[in-house]
PDB file of N, CA and C in Angstrom:
ATOM      1  N   MET A   1       0.832  -1.161   0.000  1.00  0.00           N
ATOM      2  CA  MET A   1       0.000   0.000   0.000  1.00  0.00           C
ATOM      3  C   MET A   1       0.894   1.248   0.000  1.00  0.00           C
ATOM      4  N   LYS A   2       0.382   2.283  -0.581  1.00  0.00           N
ATOM      5  CA  LYS A   2       1.138   3.536  -0.612  1.00  0.00           C
ATOM      6  C   LYS A   2       0.997   4.273   0.706  1.00  0.00           C
ATOM      7  N   ARG A   3       1.979   5.111   0.955  1.00  0.00           N
ATOM      8  CA  ARG A   3       1.974   5.877   2.188  1.00  0.00           C
ATOM      9  C   ARG A   3       0.747   6.771   2.306  1.00  0.00           C
ATOM     10  N   GLU A   4       0.314   7.349   1.203  1.00  0.00           N
ATOM     11  CA  GLU A   4      -0.827   8.247   1.244  1.00  0.00           C
ATOM     12  C   GLU A   4      -2.108   7.491   1.610  1.00  0.00           C
ATOM     13  N   ALA A   5      -2.261   6.270   1.115  1.00  0.00           N
ATOM     14  CA  ALA A   5      -3.449   5.471   1.417  1.00  0.00           C
ATOM     15  C   ALA A   5      -3.471   5.081   2.892  1.00  0.00           C
ATOM     16  N   ILE A   6      -2.330   4.693   3.414  1.00  0.00           N
ATOM     17  CA  ILE A   6      -2.244   4.317   4.825  1.00  0.00           C
ATOM     18  C   ILE A   6      -2.525   5.541   5.695  1.00  0.00           C
ATOM     19  N   PHE A   7      -1.950   6.682   5.325  1.00  0.00           N
ATOM     20  CA  PHE A   7      -2.180   7.901   6.089  1.00  0.00           C
ATOM     21  C   PHE A   7      -3.676   8.281   6.056  1.00  0.00           C
ATOM     22  N   GLY A   8      -4.314   8.121   4.920  1.00  0.00           N
ATOM     23  CA  GLY A   8      -5.752   8.430   4.786  1.00  0.00           C
ATOM     24  C   GLY A   8      -6.592   7.529   5.685  1.00  0.00           C
ATOM     25  N   MET A   9      -6.232   6.248   5.731  1.00  0.00           N
ATOM     26  CA  MET A   9      -6.978   5.311   6.584  1.00  0.00           C
ATOM     27  C   MET A   9      -6.783   5.637   8.057  1.00  0.00           C
ATOM     28  N   LEU A  10      -5.558   5.945   8.453  1.00  0.00           N
ATOM     29  CA  LEU A  10      -5.292   6.313   9.839  1.00  0.00           C
ATOM     30  C   LEU A  10      -6.039   7.593  10.222  1.00  0.00           C
ATOM     31  N   LEU A  11      -6.077   8.535   9.307  1.00  0.00           N
ATOM     32  CA  LEU A  11      -6.783   9.774   9.552  1.00  0.00           C
ATOM     33  C   LEU A  11      -8.293   9.513   9.707  1.00  0.00           C
ATOM     34  N   ALA A  12      -8.846   8.655   8.855  1.00  0.00           N
ATOM     35  CA  ALA A  12     -10.277   8.319   8.938  1.00  0.00           C
ATOM     36  C   ALA A  12     -10.585   7.606  10.255  1.00  0.00           C
ATOM     37  N   CYS A  13      -9.726   6.669  10.659  1.00  0.00           N
ATOM     38  CA  CYS A  13      -9.941   5.952  11.923  1.00  0.00           C
ATOM     39  C   CYS A  13      -9.861   6.904  13.108  1.00  0.00           C
ATOM     40  N   ALA A  14      -8.883   7.824  13.056  1.00  0.00           N
ATOM     41  CA  ALA A  14      -8.730   8.782  14.147  1.00  0.00           C
ATOM     42  C   ALA A  14      -9.935   9.719  14.213  1.00  0.00           C
ATOM     43  N   THR A  15     -10.498  10.033  13.061  1.00  0.00           N
ATOM     44  CA  THR A  15     -11.653  10.923  13.025  1.00  0.00           C
ATOM     45  C   THR A  15     -12.902  10.223  13.559  1.00  0.00           C
ATOM     46  N   LEU A  16     -13.061   8.955  13.236  1.00  0.00           N
ATOM     47  CA  LEU A  16     -14.266   8.210  13.647  1.00  0.00           C
ATOM     48  C   LEU A  16     -14.180   7.630  15.050  1.00  0.00           C
ATOM     49  N   ALA A  17     -12.996   7.506  15.612  1.00  0.00           N
ATOM     50  CA  ALA A  17     -12.822   6.884  16.925  1.00  0.00           C
ATOM     51  C   ALA A  17     -13.616   7.576  18.038  1.00  0.00           C
ATOM     52  N   PRO A  18     -13.678   8.898  18.099  1.00  0.00           N
ATOM     53  CA  PRO A  18     -14.448   9.526  19.187  1.00  0.00           C
ATOM     54  C   PRO A  18     -15.944   9.212  19.133  1.00  0.00           C
ATOM     55  N   PHE A  19     -16.469   8.879  17.979  1.00  0.00           N
ATOM     56  CA  PHE A  19     -17.907   8.595  17.847  1.00  0.00           C
ATOM     57  C   PHE A  19     -18.251   7.142  18.151  1.00  0.00           C
ATOM     58  N   ALA A  20     -17.243   6.291  18.290  1.00  0.00           N
ATOM     59  CA  ALA A  20     -17.504   4.866  18.538  1.00  0.00           C
ATOM     60  C   ALA A  20     -18.133   4.650  19.902  1.00  0.00           C
ATOM     61  N   GLY A  21     -17.670   5.380  20.923  1.00  0.00           N
ATOM     62  CA  GLY A  21     -18.227   5.235  22.270  1.00  0.00           C
ATOM     63  C   GLY A  21     -19.692   5.623  22.337  1.00  0.00           C
ATOM     64  N   PRO A  22     -20.086   6.826  21.914  1.00  0.00           N
ATOM     65  CA  PRO A  22     -21.505   7.213  21.959  1.00  0.00           C
ATOM     66  C   PRO A  22     -22.392   6.313  21.110  1.00  0.00           C
ATOM     67  N   ALA A  23     -21.868   5.831  19.977  1.00  0.00           N
ATOM     68  CA  ALA A  23     -22.684   4.960  19.121  1.00  0.00           C
ATOM     69  C   ALA A  23     -22.986   3.651  19.820  1.00  0.00           C
ATOM     70  N   SER A  24     -21.982   3.080  20.501  1.00  0.00           N
ATOM     71  CA  SER A  24     -22.236   1.824  21.204  1.00  0.00           C
ATOM     72  C   SER A  24     -23.129   2.056  22.419  1.00  0.00           C
ATOM     73  N   ALA A  25     -23.010   3.224  23.057  1.00  0.00           N
ATOM     74  CA  ALA A  25     -23.882   3.538  24.195  1.00  0.00           C
ATOM     75  C   ALA A  25     -25.321   3.668  23.736  1.00  0.00           C
ATOM     76  N   GLN A  26     -25.530   4.298  22.594  1.00  0.00           N
ATOM     77  CA  GLN A  26     -26.888   4.417  22.058  1.00  0.00           C
ATOM     78  C   GLN A  26     -27.436   3.047  21.694  1.00  0.00           C
ATOM     79  N   GLN A  27     -26.582   2.194  21.165  1.00  0.00           N
ATOM     80  CA  GLN A  27     -27.017   0.851  20.812  1.00  0.00           C
ATOM     81  C   GLN A  27     -27.417   0.086  22.073  1.00  0.00           C
ATOM     82  N   GLY A  28     -26.650   0.229  23.147  1.00  0.00           N
ATOM     83  CA  GLY A  28     -26.993  -0.416  24.413  1.00  0.00           C
ATOM     84  C   GLY A  28     -28.302   0.115  24.953  1.00  0.00           C
ATOM     85  N   SER A  29     -28.498   1.424  24.835  1.00  0.00           N
ATOM     86  CA  SER A  29     -29.750   2.030  25.283  1.00  0.00           C
ATOM     87  C   SER A  29     -30.921   1.481  24.483  1.00  0.00           C
ATOM     88  N   ALA A  30     -30.732   1.318  23.184  1.00  0.00           N
ATOM     89  CA  ALA A  30     -31.784   0.763  22.332  1.00  0.00           C
ATOM     90  C   ALA A  30     -32.085  -0.673  22.733  1.00  0.00           C
ATOM     91  N   LYS A  31     -31.037  -1.420  23.057  1.00  0.00           N
ATOM     92  CA  LYS A  31     -31.244  -2.810  23.491  1.00  0.00           C
ATOM     93  C   LYS A  31     -32.061  -2.852  24.777  1.00  0.00           C
ATOM     94  N   GLN A  32     -31.718  -1.955  25.714  1.00  0.00           N
ATOM     95  CA  GLN A  32     -32.460  -1.899  26.976  1.00  0.00           C
ATOM     96  C   GLN A  32     -33.928  -1.532  26.729  1.00  0.00           C
ATOM     97  N   GLU A  33     -34.148  -0.592  25.828  1.00  0.00           N
ATOM     98  CA  GLU A  33     -35.521  -0.179  25.520  1.00  0.00           C
ATOM     99  C   GLU A  33     -36.301  -1.328  24.878  1.00  0.00           C
ATOM    100  N   ILE A  34     -35.648  -2.071  23.992  1.00  0.00           N
ATOM    101  CA  ILE A  34     -36.296  -3.222  23.360  1.00  0.00           C
ATOM    102  C   ILE A  34     -36.621  -4.277  24.404  1.00  0.00           C
ATOM    103  N   LYS A  35     -35.665  -4.528  25.322  1.00  0.00           N
ATOM    104  CA  LYS A  35     -35.910  -5.499  26.388  1.00  0.00           C
ATOM    105  C   LYS A  35     -37.080  -5.060  27.263  1.00  0.00           C
ATOM    106  N   HIS A  36     -37.108  -3.770  27.602  1.00  0.00           N
ATOM    107  CA  HIS A  36     -38.179  -3.238  28.454  1.00  0.00           C
ATOM    108  C   HIS A  36     -39.527  -3.367  27.745  1.00  0.00           C
ATOM    109  N   ASP A  37     -39.553  -3.005  26.458  1.00  0.00           N
ATOM    110  CA  ASP A  37     -40.803  -3.105  25.696  1.00  0.00           C
ATOM    111  C   ASP A  37     -41.261  -4.555  25.563  1.00  0.00           C
ATOM    112  N   ALA A  38     -40.313  -5.456  25.336  1.00  0.00           N
ATOM    113  CA  ALA A  38     -40.668  -6.873  25.217  1.00  0.00           C
ATOM    114  C   ALA A  38     -41.202  -7.417  26.537  1.00  0.00           C
ATOM    115  N   LYS A  39     -40.581  -6.987  27.632  1.00  0.00           N
ATOM    116  CA  LYS A  39     -41.033  -7.425  28.952  1.00  0.00           C
ATOM    117  C   LYS A  39     -42.436  -6.903  29.240  1.00  0.00           C
ATOM    118  N   ALA A  40     -42.675  -5.638  28.912  1.00  0.00           N
ATOM    119  CA  ALA A  40     -44.001  -5.049  29.128  1.00  0.00           C
ATOM    120  C   ALA A  40     -45.046  -5.744  28.259  1.00  0.00           C
ATOM    121  N   ALA A  41     -44.682  -6.029  27.010  1.00  0.00           N
ATOM    122  CA  ALA A  41     -45.613  -6.725  26.114  1.00  0.00           C
ATOM    123  C   ALA A  41     -45.906  -8.126  26.640  1.00  0.00           C
ATOM    124  N   GLY A  42     -44.894  -8.798  27.143  1.00  0.00           N
ATOM    125  CA  GLY A  42     -45.089 -10.127  27.718  1.00  0.00           C
ATOM    126  C   GLY A  42     -46.021 -10.099  28.914  1.00  0.00           C
ATOM    127  N   LYS A  43     -45.846  -9.094  29.760  1.00  0.00           N
ATOM    128  CA  LYS A  43     -46.733  -8.970  30.921  1.00  0.00           C
ATOM    129  C   LYS A  43     -48.166  -8.686  30.481  1.00  0.00           C
ATOM    130  N   ASP A  44     -48.317  -7.806  29.488  1.00  0.00           N
ATOM    131  CA  ASP A  44     -49.660  -7.498  28.991  1.00  0.00           C
ATOM    132  C   ASP A  44     -50.327  -8.729  28.386  1.00  0.00           C
ATOM    133  N   ILE A  45     -49.560  -9.512  27.655  1.00  0.00           N
ATOM    134  CA  ILE A  45     -50.096 -10.747  27.078  1.00  0.00           C
ATOM    135  C   ILE A  45     -50.495 -11.711  28.188  1.00  0.00           C
ATOM    136  N   GLY A  46     -49.674 -11.809  29.214  1.00  0.00           N
ATOM    137  CA  GLY A  46     -49.986 -12.674  30.357  1.00  0.00           C
ATOM    138  C   GLY A  46     -51.256 -12.249  31.057  1.00  0.00           C
ATOM    139  N   HIS A  47     -51.409 -10.935  31.283  1.00  0.00           N
ATOM    140  CA  HIS A  47     -52.630 -10.440  31.931  1.00  0.00           C
ATOM    141  C   HIS A  47     -53.854 -10.709  31.051  1.00  0.00           C
ATOM    142  N   GLY A  48     -53.697 -10.544  29.751  1.00  0.00           N
ATOM    143  CA  GLY A  48     -54.797 -10.836  28.831  1.00  0.00           C
ATOM    144  C   GLY A  48     -55.178 -12.301  28.865  1.00  0.00           C
ATOM    145  N   ALA A  49     -54.174 -13.170  28.920  1.00  0.00           N
ATOM    146  CA  ALA A  49     -54.445 -14.606  28.977  1.00  0.00           C
ATOM    147  C   ALA A  49     -55.174 -14.978  30.263  1.00  0.00           C
ATOM    148  N   VAL A  50     -54.792 -14.356  31.363  1.00  0.00           N
ATOM    149  CA  VAL A  50     -55.472 -14.610  32.638  1.00  0.00           C
ATOM    150  C   VAL A  50     -56.928 -14.164  32.555  1.00  0.00           C
ATOM    151  N   ALA A  51     -57.156 -12.995  31.952  1.00  0.00           N
ATOM    152  CA  ALA A  51     -58.527 -12.494  31.801  1.00  0.00           C
ATOM    153  C   ALA A  51     -59.358 -13.434  30.942  1.00  0.00           C
ATOM    154  N   VAL A  52     -58.773 -13.935  29.860  1.00  0.00           N
ATOM    155  CA  VAL A  52     -59.484 -14.886  28.997  1.00  0.00           C
ATOM    156  C   VAL A  52     -59.767 -16.171  29.765  1.00  0.00           C
ATOM    157  N   GLY A  53     -58.819 -16.616  30.564  1.00  0.00           N
ATOM    158  CA  GLY A  53     -59.018 -17.824  31.373  1.00  0.00           C
ATOM    159  C   GLY A  53     -60.150 -17.660  32.360  1.00  0.00           C
ATOM    160  N   HIS A  54     -60.214 -16.501  33.003  1.00  0.00           N
ATOM    161  CA  HIS A  54     -61.291 -16.254  33.962  1.00  0.00           C
ATOM    162  C   HIS A  54     -62.645 -16.194  33.259  1.00  0.00           C
ATOM    163  N   ALA A  55     -62.683 -15.549  32.104  1.00  0.00           N
ATOM    164  CA  ALA A  55     -63.938 -15.471  31.353  1.00  0.00           C
ATOM    165  C   ALA A  55     -64.371 -16.863  30.897  1.00  0.00           C
ATOM    166  N   THR A  56     -63.419 -17.669  30.461  1.00  0.00           N
ATOM    167  CA  THR A  56     -63.735 -19.031  30.033  1.00  0.00           C
ATOM    168  C   THR A  56     -64.277 -19.842  31.197  1.00  0.00           C
ATOM    169  N   LYS A  57     -63.666 -19.682  32.349  1.00  0.00           N
ATOM    170  CA  LYS A  57     -64.135 -20.390  33.549  1.00  0.00           C
ATOM    171  C   LYS A  57     -65.565 -19.980  33.875  1.00  0.00           C
ATOM    172  N   HIS A  58     -65.829 -18.673  33.806  1.00  0.00           N
ATOM    173  CA  HIS A  58     -67.164 -18.154  34.119  1.00  0.00           C
ATOM    174  C   HIS A  58     -68.204 -18.742  33.158  1.00  0.00           C
ATOM    175  N   VAL A  59     -67.879 -18.757  31.869  1.00  0.00           N
ATOM    176  CA  VAL A  59     -68.802 -19.303  30.873  1.00  0.00           C
ATOM    177  C   VAL A  59     -68.997 -20.800  31.089  1.00  0.00           C
ATOM    178  N   ALA A  60     -67.919 -21.516  31.389  1.00  0.00           N
ATOM    179  CA  ALA A  60     -68.020 -22.960  31.612  1.00  0.00           C
ATOM    180  C   ALA A  60     -68.904 -23.269  32.816  1.00  0.00           C
ATOM    181  N   ILE A  61     -68.786 -22.456  33.859  1.00  0.00           N
ATOM    182  CA  ILE A  61     -69.631 -22.665  35.044  1.00  0.00           C
ATOM    183  C   ILE A  61     -71.086 -22.424  34.693  1.00  0.00           C
ATOM    184  N   LYS A  62     -71.353 -21.356  33.928  1.00  0.00           N
ATOM    185  CA  LYS A  62     -72.732 -21.066  33.517  1.00  0.00           C
ATOM    186  C   LYS A  62     -73.296 -22.215  32.682  1.00  0.00           C
ATOM    187  N   ILE A  63     -72.494 -22.703  31.752  1.00  0.00           N
ATOM    188  CA  ILE A  63     -72.947 -23.821  30.908  1.00  0.00           C
ATOM    189  C   ILE A  63     -73.165 -25.061  31.757  1.00  0.00           C
ATOM    190  N   GLY A  64     -72.252 -25.296  32.699  1.00  0.00           N
ATOM    191  CA  GLY A  64     -72.389 -26.455  33.583  1.00  0.00           C
ATOM    192  C   GLY A  64     -73.657 -26.392  34.411  1.00  0.00           C
ATOM    193  N   HIS A  65     -73.957 -25.214  34.953  1.00  0.00           N
ATOM    194  CA  HIS A  65     -75.180 -25.068  35.740  1.00  0.00           C
ATOM    195  C   HIS A  65     -76.412 -25.263  34.864  1.00  0.00           C
ATOM    196  N   GLY A  66     -76.354 -24.722  33.640  1.00  0.00           N
ATOM    197  CA  GLY A  66     -77.468 -24.899  32.715  1.00  0.00           C
ATOM    198  C   GLY A  66     -77.674 -26.358  32.362  1.00  0.00           C
ATOM    199  N   ALA A  67     -76.564 -27.066  32.137  1.00  0.00           N
ATOM    200  CA  ALA A  67     -76.655 -28.485  31.815  1.00  0.00           C
ATOM    201  C   ALA A  67     -77.200 -29.274  33.007  1.00  0.00           C
ATOM    202  N   LYS A  68     -76.794 -28.883  34.200  1.00  0.00           N
ATOM    203  CA  LYS A  68     -77.282 -29.552  35.408  1.00  0.00           C
ATOM    204  C   LYS A  68     -78.790 -29.371  35.534  1.00  0.00           C
ATOM    205  N   GLU A  69     -79.257 -28.133  35.336  1.00  0.00           N
ATOM    206  CA  GLU A  69     -80.697 -27.876  35.412  1.00  0.00           C
ATOM    207  C   GLU A  69     -81.450 -28.637  34.324  1.00  0.00           C
ATOM    208  N   ALA A  70     -80.873 -28.676  33.119  1.00  0.00           N
ATOM    209  CA  ALA A  70     -81.509 -29.427  32.036  1.00  0.00           C
ATOM    210  C   ALA A  70     -81.559 -30.908  32.375  1.00  0.00           C
ATOM    211  N   GLY A  71     -80.484 -31.413  32.975  1.00  0.00           N
ATOM    212  CA  GLY A  71     -80.462 -32.823  33.382  1.00  0.00           C
ATOM    213  C   GLY A  71     -81.532 -33.131  34.415  1.00  0.00           C
ATOM    214  N   HIS A  72     -81.689 -32.221  35.372  1.00  0.00           N
ATOM    215  CA  HIS A  72     -82.743 -32.415  36.374  1.00  0.00           C
ATOM    216  C   HIS A  72     -84.119 -32.392  35.720  1.00  0.00           C
ATOM    217  N   GLY A  73     -84.299 -31.483  34.758  1.00  0.00           N
ATOM    218  CA  GLY A  73     -85.577 -31.415  34.041  1.00  0.00           C
ATOM    219  C   GLY A  73     -85.854 -32.675  33.249  1.00  0.00           C
ATOM    220  N   ILE A  74     -84.841 -33.191  32.604  1.00  0.00           N
ATOM    221  CA  ILE A  74     -84.999 -34.433  31.833  1.00  0.00           C
ATOM    222  C   ILE A  74     -85.304 -35.589  32.770  1.00  0.00           C
ATOM    223  N   ALA A  75     -84.599 -35.648  33.886  1.00  0.00           N
ATOM    224  CA  ALA A  75     -84.849 -36.726  34.850  1.00  0.00           C
ATOM    225  C   ALA A  75     -86.266 -36.644  35.397  1.00  0.00           C
ATOM    226  N   GLN A  76     -86.714 -35.436  35.709  1.00  0.00           N
ATOM    227  CA  GLN A  76     -88.080 -35.260  36.217  1.00  0.00           C
ATOM    228  C   GLN A  76     -89.101 -35.682  35.164  1.00  0.00           C
ATOM    229  N   GLY A  77     -88.860 -35.275  33.920  1.00  0.00           N
ATOM    230  CA  GLY A  77     -89.768 -35.657  32.832  1.00  0.00           C
ATOM    231  C   GLY A  77     -89.793 -37.159  32.617  1.00  0.00           C
ATOM    232  N   ALA A  78     -88.621 -37.780  32.692  1.00  0.00           N
ATOM    233  CA  ALA A  78     -88.551 -39.232  32.522  1.00  0.00           C
ATOM    234  C   ALA A  78     -89.281 -39.942  33.656  1.00  0.00           C
ATOM    235  N   ARG A  79     -89.114 -39.427  34.867  1.00  0.00           N
ATOM    236  CA  ARG A  79     -89.801 -40.033  36.018  1.00  0.00           C
ATOM    237  C   ARG A  79     -91.312 -39.911  35.869  1.00  0.00           C
ATOM    238  N   GLU A  80     -91.786 -38.714  35.468  1.00  0.00           N
ATOM    239  CA  GLU A  80     -93.223 -38.521  35.267  1.00  0.00           C
ATOM    240  C   GLU A  80     -93.737 -39.402  34.141  1.00  0.00           C
ATOM    241  N   GLY A  81     -92.947 -39.545  33.080  1.00  0.00           N
ATOM    242  CA  GLY A  81     -93.344 -40.434  31.971  1.00  0.00           C
ATOM    243  C   GLY A  81     -93.429 -41.884  32.426  1.00  0.00           C
ATOM    244  N   TRP A  82     -92.458 -42.299  33.223  1.00  0.00           N
ATOM    245  CA  TRP A  82     -92.465 -43.667  33.735  1.00  0.00           C
ATOM    246  C   TRP A  82     -93.671 -43.908  34.641  1.00  0.00           C
ATOM    247  N   ASP A  83     -93.972 -42.946  35.507  1.00  0.00           N
ATOM    248  CA  ASP A  83     -95.136 -43.080  36.390  1.00  0.00           C
ATOM    249  C   ASP A  83     -96.425 -43.132  35.582  1.00  0.00           C
ATOM    250  N   ALA A  84     -96.530 -42.313  34.540  1.00  0.00           N
ATOM    251  CA  ALA A  84     -97.726 -42.308  33.702  1.00  0.00           C
ATOM    252  C   ALA A  84     -97.857 -43.642  32.959  1.00  0.00           C
ATOM    253  N   THR A  85     -96.735 -44.175  32.493  1.00  0.00           N
ATOM    254  CA  THR A  85     -96.767 -45.457  31.776  1.00  0.00           C
ATOM    255  C   THR A  85     -97.187 -46.573  32.728  1.00  0.00           C
ATOM    256  N   LYS A  86     -96.630 -46.582  33.941  1.00  0.00           N
ATOM    257  CA  LYS A  86     -97.016 -47.601  34.932  1.00  0.00           C
ATOM    258  C   LYS A  86     -98.508 -47.521  35.238  1.00  0.00           C
ATOM    259  N   HIS A  87     -98.991 -46.315  35.422  1.00  0.00           N
ATOM    260  CA  HIS A  87    -100.409 -46.127  35.735  1.00  0.00           C
ATOM    261  C   HIS A  87    -101.276 -46.616  34.577  1.00  0.00           C
ATOM    262  N   ALA A  88    -100.881 -46.307  33.343  1.00  0.00           N
ATOM    263  CA  ALA A  88    -101.668 -46.733  32.174  1.00  0.00           C
ATOM    264  C   ALA A  88    -101.662 -48.253  32.042  1.00  0.00           C
ATOM    265  N   VAL A  89    -100.507 -48.870  32.259  1.00  0.00           N
ATOM    266  CA  VAL A  89    -100.425 -50.333  32.151  1.00  0.00           C
ATOM    267  C   VAL A  89    -101.283 -50.988  33.228  1.00  0.00           C
ATOM    268  N   LYS A  90    -101.226 -50.484  34.431  1.00  0.00           N
ATOM    269  CA  LYS A  90    -102.047 -51.032  35.512  1.00  0.00           C
ATOM    270  C   LYS A  90    -103.529 -50.856  35.206  1.00  0.00           C
ATOM    271  N   HIS A  91    -103.863 -49.704  34.633  1.00  0.00           N
ATOM    272  CA  HIS A  91    -105.265 -49.441  34.289  1.00  0.00           C
ATOM    273  C   HIS A  91    -105.726 -50.385  33.193  1.00  0.00           C
ATOM    274  N   VAL A  92    -104.894 -50.604  32.191  1.00  0.00           N
ATOM    275  CA  VAL A  92    -105.284 -51.495  31.087  1.00  0.00           C
ATOM    276  C   VAL A  92    -105.447 -52.930  31.576  1.00  0.00           C
ATOM    277  N   PHE A  93    -104.547 -53.370  32.412  1.00  0.00           N
ATOM    278  CA  PHE A  93    -104.595 -54.756  32.866  1.00  0.00           C
ATOM    279  C   PHE A  93    -105.312 -54.917  34.194  1.00  0.00           C
ATOM    280  N   HIS A  94    -106.003 -53.912  34.639  1.00  0.00           N
ATOM    281  CA  HIS A  94    -106.816 -53.907  35.851  1.00  0.00           C
ATOM    282  C   HIS A  94    -106.004 -54.359  37.071  1.00  0.00           C
ATOM    283  N   LYS A  95    -104.844 -53.806  37.223  1.00  0.00           N
ATOM    284  CA  LYS A  95    -103.999 -54.143  38.367  1.00  0.00           C
ATOM    285  C   LYS A  95    -104.203 -53.154  39.510  1.00  0.00           C
ATOM    286  N   ASP A  96    -105.069 -52.126  39.320  1.00  0.00           N
ATOM    287  CA  ASP A  96    -105.305 -51.121  40.349  1.00  0.00           C
ATOM    288  C   ASP A  96    -106.124 -51.688  41.497  1.00  0.00           C
ATOM    289  N   GLU A  97    -106.836 -52.702  41.244  1.00  0.00           N
ATOM    290  CA  GLU A  97    -107.777 -53.217  42.233  1.00  0.00           C
ATOM    291  C   GLU A  97    -107.166 -54.029  43.317  1.00  0.00           C
TER     292      GLU A  97
END
């Protein structure tokens, strides 16, 4: 390499060297900000998931109670149907006497 080229490179490095520290500090600051934002987003997602879980639980309980009431209604209807059938059979075959 020629002396002028080497001198030009040394001059460029010497000129840019003072800016290397602030540039890396800004990059570190950006990394910290990204980490902070990611952490906040993660917490928000977690809180949202908990809210969805609670809502799902609430709906499942409502459905469960509704199914329980429907089951009781079906059982009551089946019992009344069975009693009516027994009564009709006894009446037809004169077993009431």
